[in-house]
Every structure is written in C-alpha cells, then in structure tokens.
C-alpha cells in the first residue's frame, strides 16, 4: 500500500515538475513577447513622430508661402502707390515749374 501511495506522490510530483517547467516556458515566452511588443511600439512611435514632423514641415511651408505671397502682393501695391504719388508730384512740378522758379528766384533775391 505504501508503494501505491508513493507512486501517486511521485506521479503528482512529476506532474507538478512538468507544470512548473511549462510555467517557466510560458513566462519566458511572455517576456520575449513583451520585448517584441516594446520594440514594435518604439518603432511605431518613431514612424508616427517622423510622419508628424513631415506634416508639420509641409504645413509650415504652406503658411510661409502664403505669407510670402501676401507680402509680395502688399509690396506690389505699395510700389504702385509710390509710383502713382511720384507721377503726381512730377506732374504738379511740371505744371507749376514756372511758378516754382519765380518763387525761388524772388526768395533768393529778397535775402
């Protein structure tokens, strides 16, 4: 009877050893899976970060180009206004040139 009990205990111990080995194997596999998941996650983070940078650069280029276009349009407008004012001054000077010369001469002679 002791042999039967001992063989049952031995069988249980063997089963427990197999279960322990299976648990150790599963623990190792889970550790490997965690490492793989971490590597994959870091890779995805890097990919998303790069895509975000590219999108930000493209958006910045769009904003900068829009600002350049607006500045160029404003520059053209200011140049046109300046040329218009210059033409008006030249026209007034040409129209009143004789009066200007007379005024300058009379001012100089009075002094």
N, C-alpha and C. Protein backbone atom coordinates (compact mmCIF):
# COMPACT_ATOMS: atom_id res chain seq x y z
N UNK A 1 0.82 -1.18 0.00
CA UNK A 1 0.00 0.00 0.00
C UNK A 1 0.87 1.25 0.00
N UNK A 2 2.00 1.19 0.64
CA UNK A 2 2.91 2.31 0.68
C UNK A 2 3.46 2.58 -0.70
N UNK A 3 3.66 1.50 -1.49
CA UNK A 3 4.17 1.69 -2.84
C UNK A 3 3.15 2.42 -3.72
N UNK A 4 1.87 2.10 -3.52
CA UNK A 4 0.82 2.75 -4.31
C UNK A 4 0.76 4.23 -3.95
N UNK A 5 0.80 4.56 -2.68
CA UNK A 5 0.78 5.95 -2.23
C UNK A 5 2.02 6.69 -2.69
N UNK A 6 3.16 5.96 -2.62
CA UNK A 6 4.41 6.59 -3.05
C UNK A 6 4.40 6.84 -4.55
N UNK A 7 3.85 5.91 -5.34
CA UNK A 7 3.81 6.11 -6.77
C UNK A 7 2.85 7.24 -7.14
N UNK A 8 1.76 7.39 -6.38
CA UNK A 8 0.84 8.51 -6.61
C UNK A 8 1.54 9.83 -6.30
N UNK A 9 2.29 9.86 -5.19
CA UNK A 9 3.02 11.07 -4.81
C UNK A 9 4.08 11.36 -5.86
N UNK A 10 4.77 10.33 -6.31
CA UNK A 10 5.78 10.51 -7.35
C UNK A 10 5.13 11.03 -8.63
N UNK A 11 3.96 10.48 -8.98
CA UNK A 11 3.23 10.94 -10.17
C UNK A 11 2.82 12.40 -10.02
N UNK A 12 2.34 12.77 -8.84
CA UNK A 12 1.94 14.16 -8.59
C UNK A 12 3.15 15.08 -8.68
N UNK A 13 4.27 14.65 -8.11
CA UNK A 13 5.50 15.46 -8.15
C UNK A 13 5.97 15.63 -9.58
N UNK A 14 5.92 14.54 -10.35
CA UNK A 14 6.32 14.63 -11.76
C UNK A 14 5.40 15.59 -12.51
N UNK A 15 4.09 15.48 -12.25
CA UNK A 15 3.12 16.37 -12.90
C UNK A 15 3.38 17.82 -12.51
N UNK A 16 3.68 18.04 -11.23
CA UNK A 16 3.99 19.40 -10.76
C UNK A 16 5.27 19.92 -11.40
N UNK A 17 6.28 19.06 -11.55
CA UNK A 17 7.53 19.46 -12.22
C UNK A 17 7.27 19.84 -13.68
N UNK A 18 6.44 19.02 -14.35
CA UNK A 18 6.09 19.33 -15.75
C UNK A 18 5.34 20.66 -15.81
N UNK A 19 4.40 20.84 -14.90
CA UNK A 19 3.63 22.10 -14.85
C UNK A 19 4.55 23.28 -14.58
N UNK A 20 5.50 23.10 -13.66
CA UNK A 20 6.46 24.17 -13.36
C UNK A 20 7.31 24.50 -14.58
N UNK A 21 7.75 23.47 -15.28
CA UNK A 21 8.53 23.69 -16.50
C UNK A 21 7.69 24.42 -17.55
N UNK A 22 6.42 24.01 -17.68
CA UNK A 22 5.53 24.68 -18.63
C UNK A 22 5.34 26.15 -18.24
N UNK A 23 5.18 26.42 -16.96
CA UNK A 23 5.02 27.80 -16.48
C UNK A 23 6.28 28.61 -16.74
N UNK A 24 7.44 28.01 -16.51
CA UNK A 24 8.71 28.70 -16.79
C UNK A 24 8.82 29.01 -18.28
N UNK A 25 8.44 28.04 -19.10
CA UNK A 25 8.49 28.24 -20.55
C UNK A 25 7.53 29.36 -20.96
N UNK A 26 6.33 29.34 -20.41
CA UNK A 26 5.35 30.39 -20.72
C UNK A 26 5.84 31.75 -20.23
N UNK A 27 6.45 31.79 -19.07
CA UNK A 27 6.99 33.04 -18.54
C UNK A 27 8.06 33.59 -19.47
N UNK A 28 8.92 32.71 -19.96
CA UNK A 28 9.97 33.12 -20.91
C UNK A 28 9.36 33.64 -22.20
N UNK A 29 8.34 32.92 -22.70
CA UNK A 29 7.67 33.35 -23.94
C UNK A 29 6.98 34.69 -23.76
N UNK A 30 6.34 34.88 -22.60
CA UNK A 30 5.68 36.16 -22.32
C UNK A 30 6.72 37.28 -22.25
N UNK A 31 7.87 37.01 -21.64
CA UNK A 31 8.95 38.00 -21.58
C UNK A 31 9.43 38.37 -22.98
N UNK A 32 9.59 37.34 -23.83
CA UNK A 32 10.00 37.60 -25.22
C UNK A 32 8.94 38.41 -25.96
N UNK A 33 7.69 38.07 -25.74
CA UNK A 33 6.60 38.81 -26.39
C UNK A 33 6.58 40.27 -25.92
N UNK A 34 6.84 40.49 -24.64
CA UNK A 34 6.90 41.86 -24.12
C UNK A 34 8.01 42.65 -24.82
N UNK A 35 9.17 42.00 -24.96
CA UNK A 35 10.29 42.66 -25.62
C UNK A 35 9.94 42.98 -27.07
N UNK A 36 9.34 42.03 -27.78
CA UNK A 36 8.94 42.26 -29.17
C UNK A 36 7.91 43.39 -29.26
N UNK A 37 6.97 43.38 -28.34
CA UNK A 37 5.94 44.42 -28.32
C UNK A 37 6.56 45.79 -28.05
N UNK A 38 7.52 45.85 -27.13
CA UNK A 38 8.20 47.11 -26.84
C UNK A 38 8.97 47.61 -28.07
N UNK A 39 9.67 46.70 -28.75
CA UNK A 39 10.42 47.07 -29.94
C UNK A 39 9.46 47.58 -31.02
N UNK A 40 8.37 46.86 -31.22
CA UNK A 40 7.39 47.26 -32.23
C UNK A 40 6.76 48.61 -31.86
N UNK A 41 6.44 48.80 -30.58
CA UNK A 41 5.86 50.06 -30.12
C UNK A 41 6.81 51.22 -30.36
N UNK A 42 8.08 51.03 -30.02
CA UNK A 42 9.07 52.08 -30.24
C UNK A 42 9.22 52.39 -31.73
N UNK A 43 9.18 51.36 -32.55
CA UNK A 43 9.24 51.56 -33.99
C UNK A 43 8.05 52.36 -34.50
N UNK A 44 6.87 52.03 -34.01
CA UNK A 44 5.66 52.77 -34.40
C UNK A 44 5.72 54.21 -33.92
N UNK A 45 6.23 54.42 -32.72
CA UNK A 45 6.38 55.78 -32.19
C UNK A 45 7.31 56.58 -33.09
N UNK A 46 8.43 55.99 -33.48
CA UNK A 46 9.38 56.67 -34.37
C UNK A 46 8.74 57.00 -35.71
N UNK A 47 7.98 56.03 -36.25
CA UNK A 47 7.32 56.24 -37.53
C UNK A 47 6.30 57.38 -37.43
N UNK A 48 5.49 57.35 -36.38
CA UNK A 48 4.48 58.41 -36.20
C UNK A 48 5.13 59.76 -35.96
N UNK A 49 6.23 59.77 -35.22
CA UNK A 49 6.94 61.02 -34.97
C UNK A 49 7.47 61.60 -36.28
N UNK A 50 8.02 60.74 -37.12
CA UNK A 50 8.55 61.20 -38.41
C UNK A 50 7.42 61.72 -39.30
N UNK A 51 6.30 61.01 -39.32
CA UNK A 51 5.15 61.46 -40.11
C UNK A 51 4.63 62.80 -39.60
N UNK A 52 4.60 62.95 -38.28
CA UNK A 52 4.15 64.20 -37.68
C UNK A 52 5.09 65.34 -38.07
N UNK A 53 6.38 65.08 -38.05
CA UNK A 53 7.36 66.11 -38.45
C UNK A 53 7.17 66.49 -39.92
N UNK A 54 6.97 65.50 -40.77
CA UNK A 54 6.76 65.77 -42.19
C UNK A 54 5.50 66.62 -42.39
N UNK A 55 4.44 66.27 -41.69
CA UNK A 55 3.19 67.03 -41.81
C UNK A 55 3.39 68.46 -41.31
N UNK A 56 4.11 68.61 -40.22
CA UNK A 56 4.36 69.95 -39.67
C UNK A 56 5.20 70.77 -40.63
N UNK A 57 6.20 70.14 -41.26
CA UNK A 57 7.04 70.86 -42.22
C UNK A 57 6.22 71.30 -43.42
N UNK A 58 5.36 70.42 -43.93
CA UNK A 58 4.51 70.77 -45.07
C UNK A 58 3.57 71.91 -44.70
N UNK A 59 2.99 71.85 -43.52
CA UNK A 59 2.08 72.91 -43.08
C UNK A 59 2.84 74.21 -42.91
N UNK A 60 4.05 74.14 -42.37
CA UNK A 60 4.87 75.35 -42.20
C UNK A 60 5.20 75.95 -43.57
N UNK A 61 5.51 75.10 -44.54
CA UNK A 61 5.80 75.59 -45.89
C UNK A 61 4.59 76.30 -46.49
N UNK A 62 3.41 75.71 -46.28
CA UNK A 62 2.18 76.33 -46.79
C UNK A 62 1.98 77.70 -46.15
N UNK A 63 2.17 77.79 -44.85
CA UNK A 63 1.99 79.05 -44.13
C UNK A 63 3.02 80.08 -44.61
N UNK A 64 4.28 79.64 -44.74
CA UNK A 64 5.34 80.55 -45.18
C UNK A 64 5.08 81.03 -46.60
N UNK A 65 4.68 80.12 -47.49
CA UNK A 65 4.40 80.52 -48.86
C UNK A 65 3.23 81.49 -48.94
N UNK A 66 2.20 81.26 -48.13
CA UNK A 66 1.05 82.18 -48.10
C UNK A 66 1.49 83.55 -47.61
N UNK A 67 2.35 83.56 -46.59
CA UNK A 67 2.85 84.83 -46.06
C UNK A 67 3.70 85.56 -47.10
N UNK A 68 4.52 84.80 -47.84
CA UNK A 68 5.34 85.41 -48.90
C UNK A 68 4.46 86.02 -49.97
N UNK A 69 3.45 85.28 -50.39
CA UNK A 69 2.54 85.78 -51.42
C UNK A 69 1.84 87.06 -50.96
N UNK A 70 1.40 87.05 -49.72
CA UNK A 70 0.73 88.23 -49.17
C UNK A 70 1.70 89.41 -49.11
N UNK A 71 2.94 89.15 -48.66
CA UNK A 71 3.94 90.22 -48.58
C UNK A 71 4.28 90.74 -49.97
N UNK A 72 4.40 89.85 -50.95
CA UNK A 72 4.69 90.28 -52.31
C UNK A 72 3.54 91.12 -52.87
N UNK A 73 2.32 90.71 -52.63
CA UNK A 73 1.16 91.47 -53.10
C UNK A 73 1.14 92.85 -52.45
N UNK A 74 1.43 92.90 -51.16
CA UNK A 74 1.45 94.18 -50.45
C UNK A 74 2.58 95.05 -50.98
N UNK A 75 3.73 94.44 -51.27
CA UNK A 75 4.87 95.17 -51.82
C UNK A 75 4.52 95.77 -53.18
N UNK A 76 3.87 94.99 -54.02
CA UNK A 76 3.45 95.49 -55.34
C UNK A 76 2.49 96.65 -55.17
N UNK A 77 1.55 96.52 -54.26
CA UNK A 77 0.56 97.58 -54.01
C UNK A 77 1.26 98.86 -53.54
N UNK A 78 2.19 98.72 -52.60
CA UNK A 78 2.92 99.89 -52.08
C UNK A 78 3.76 100.53 -53.19
N UNK A 79 4.40 99.69 -54.00
CA UNK A 79 5.21 100.21 -55.12
C UNK A 79 4.33 100.98 -56.10
N UNK A 80 3.17 100.44 -56.41
CA UNK A 80 2.25 101.11 -57.34
C UNK A 80 1.78 102.44 -56.76
N UNK A 81 1.45 102.44 -55.47
CA UNK A 81 1.02 103.69 -54.83
C UNK A 81 2.15 104.72 -54.85
N UNK A 82 3.38 104.26 -54.58
CA UNK A 82 4.53 105.16 -54.60
C UNK A 82 4.78 105.73 -55.98
N UNK A 83 4.69 104.88 -56.99
CA UNK A 83 4.88 105.35 -58.36
C UNK A 83 3.78 106.33 -58.75
N UNK A 84 2.57 106.06 -58.30
CA UNK A 84 1.45 106.97 -58.59
C UNK A 84 1.68 108.33 -57.93
N UNK A 85 2.10 108.32 -56.69
CA UNK A 85 2.36 109.59 -55.98
C UNK A 85 3.53 110.34 -56.64
N UNK A 86 4.56 109.60 -57.03
CA UNK A 86 5.71 110.21 -57.69
C UNK A 86 5.28 110.85 -59.01
N UNK A 87 4.45 110.15 -59.77
CA UNK A 87 3.96 110.71 -61.03
C UNK A 87 3.13 111.95 -60.78
N UNK A 88 2.34 111.93 -59.72
CA UNK A 88 1.52 113.10 -59.37
C UNK A 88 2.41 114.28 -58.99
N UNK A 89 3.46 114.04 -58.22
CA UNK A 89 4.39 115.10 -57.82
C UNK A 89 5.11 115.65 -59.04
N UNK A 90 5.57 114.73 -59.92
CA UNK A 90 6.25 115.18 -61.14
C UNK A 90 5.32 116.01 -62.01
N UNK A 91 4.07 115.58 -62.11
CA UNK A 91 3.09 116.32 -62.90
C UNK A 91 2.85 117.71 -62.31
N UNK A 92 2.70 117.77 -60.99
CA UNK A 92 2.50 119.06 -60.32
C UNK A 92 3.72 119.96 -60.49
N UNK A 93 4.90 119.36 -60.40
CA UNK A 93 6.14 120.12 -60.57
C UNK A 93 6.22 120.66 -61.99
N UNK A 94 5.94 119.82 -62.97
CA UNK A 94 5.98 120.26 -64.36
C UNK A 94 4.93 121.34 -64.65
N UNK A 95 3.77 121.15 -64.07
CA UNK A 95 2.68 122.11 -64.29
C UNK A 95 3.02 123.47 -63.69
N UNK A 96 3.60 123.45 -62.50
CA UNK A 96 3.85 124.70 -61.77
C UNK A 96 5.33 125.07 -61.76
N UNK A 97 6.10 124.55 -62.72
CA UNK A 97 7.54 124.79 -62.74
C UNK A 97 7.88 126.27 -62.82
N UNK A 98 7.19 126.99 -63.69
CA UNK A 98 7.48 128.42 -63.82
C UNK A 98 7.20 129.16 -62.51
N UNK A 99 6.08 128.81 -61.87
CA UNK A 99 5.75 129.44 -60.58
C UNK A 99 6.80 129.11 -59.51
N UNK A 100 7.28 127.87 -59.52
CA UNK A 100 8.29 127.45 -58.55
C UNK A 100 9.58 128.23 -58.77
N UNK A 101 10.01 128.36 -60.04
CA UNK A 101 11.24 129.09 -60.35
C UNK A 101 11.10 130.55 -59.92
N UNK A 102 9.96 131.17 -60.23
CA UNK A 102 9.73 132.56 -59.84
C UNK A 102 9.79 132.71 -58.32
N UNK A 103 9.17 131.78 -57.62
CA UNK A 103 9.14 131.85 -56.15
C UNK A 103 10.57 131.70 -55.59
N UNK A 104 11.33 130.75 -56.13
CA UNK A 104 12.69 130.54 -55.66
C UNK A 104 13.55 131.75 -55.93
N UNK A 105 13.46 132.32 -57.13
CA UNK A 105 14.25 133.49 -57.50
C UNK A 105 13.87 134.67 -56.61
N UNK A 106 12.57 134.88 -56.41
CA UNK A 106 12.17 136.02 -55.58
C UNK A 106 12.60 135.84 -54.14
N UNK A 107 12.58 134.59 -53.66
CA UNK A 107 13.04 134.32 -52.30
C UNK A 107 14.52 134.57 -52.18
N UNK A 108 15.32 134.15 -53.15
CA UNK A 108 16.75 134.35 -53.12
C UNK A 108 17.10 135.83 -53.23
N UNK A 109 16.42 136.54 -54.08
CA UNK A 109 16.71 137.97 -54.29
C UNK A 109 16.32 138.81 -53.10
N UNK A 110 15.32 138.42 -52.35
CA UNK A 110 14.90 139.16 -51.15
C UNK A 110 15.92 139.02 -50.03
N UNK A 111 16.63 137.97 -50.02
CA UNK A 111 17.58 137.73 -48.93
C UNK A 111 18.78 138.56 -49.05
